């Protein structure tokens, strides 16, 4: 990928790794497929378009916003 389309997703991935949370665990907690979470963290998917539960879990778990 040449450019990051959604930098907010990249921020989420960095925060998850900083906190030591496995991708599979966070995906399960947020009711997301691990591949979707990986794409989100790569900046390929807009985190604001996730379903409400996923946005809430990601925001709360990572203590951040999805902007």
Protein backbone atom coordinates (compact mmCIF):
# COMPACT_ATOMS: atom_id res chain seq x y z
CA UNK A 1 0.00 0.00 0.00
CA UNK A 2 1.47 3.35 -1.02
CA UNK A 3 -0.63 5.68 1.10
CA UNK A 4 -2.61 5.42 4.29
CA UNK A 5 -6.22 6.25 3.57
CA UNK A 6 -7.42 6.39 7.18
CA UNK A 7 -4.68 7.44 9.64
CA UNK A 8 -7.05 6.93 12.58
CA UNK A 9 -6.83 3.19 12.01
CA UNK A 10 -3.04 3.24 12.09
CA UNK A 11 -3.25 5.02 15.45
CA UNK A 12 -5.43 2.21 16.77
CA UNK A 13 -2.90 -0.43 15.74
CA UNK A 14 -0.04 1.44 17.37
CA UNK A 15 -2.04 1.83 20.57
CA UNK A 16 -3.00 -1.87 20.61
CA UNK A 17 0.61 -2.94 20.22
CA UNK A 18 1.75 -0.47 22.91
CA UNK A 19 -0.76 -2.00 25.32
CA UNK A 20 0.29 -5.54 24.36
CA UNK A 21 -3.17 -6.65 23.26
CA UNK A 22 -3.16 -9.45 20.67
CA UNK A 23 -4.98 -8.60 17.44
CA UNK A 24 -7.08 -11.77 17.60
CA UNK A 25 -8.22 -10.98 21.14
CA UNK A 26 -9.23 -7.40 20.32
CA UNK A 27 -11.01 -8.55 17.16
CA UNK A 28 -12.96 -11.13 19.16
CA UNK A 29 -13.86 -8.60 21.88
CA UNK A 30 -15.06 -6.10 19.25
CA UNK A 31 -16.97 -8.78 17.29
CA UNK A 32 -14.80 -8.21 14.21
CA UNK A 33 -12.99 -10.58 11.89
CA UNK A 34 -9.23 -10.41 12.56
CA UNK A 35 -8.61 -9.61 8.87
CA UNK A 36 -10.91 -6.57 9.09
CA UNK A 37 -9.08 -5.32 12.18
CA UNK A 38 -5.74 -5.85 10.41
CA UNK A 39 -6.98 -3.81 7.42
CA UNK A 40 -8.27 -1.12 9.78
CA UNK A 41 -4.88 -0.91 11.51
CA UNK A 42 -3.16 -0.68 8.12
CA UNK A 43 -5.25 2.39 7.32
CA UNK A 44 -7.19 0.61 4.58
CA UNK A 45 -10.57 0.77 6.34
CA UNK A 46 -12.31 3.75 7.96
CA UNK A 47 -12.80 2.94 11.67
CA UNK A 48 -15.77 5.30 11.82
CA UNK A 49 -17.75 2.93 9.60
CA UNK A 50 -17.60 0.05 12.09
CA UNK A 51 -20.74 -1.05 13.90
CA UNK A 52 -21.47 0.69 17.18
CA UNK A 53 -20.37 -2.15 19.47
CA UNK A 54 -17.00 -2.40 17.73
CA UNK A 55 -16.41 1.35 18.00
CA UNK A 56 -17.28 1.29 21.70
CA UNK A 57 -15.03 -1.70 22.46
CA UNK A 58 -12.09 -0.27 20.51
CA UNK A 59 -12.45 3.18 22.09
CA UNK A 60 -12.78 1.81 25.62
CA UNK A 61 -10.10 -0.89 25.35
CA UNK A 62 -7.55 1.34 23.64
CA UNK A 63 -8.56 4.48 25.57
CA UNK A 64 -8.70 6.54 22.40
CA UNK A 65 -11.11 8.02 19.88
CA UNK A 66 -11.77 6.80 16.36
CA UNK A 67 -11.22 10.18 14.69
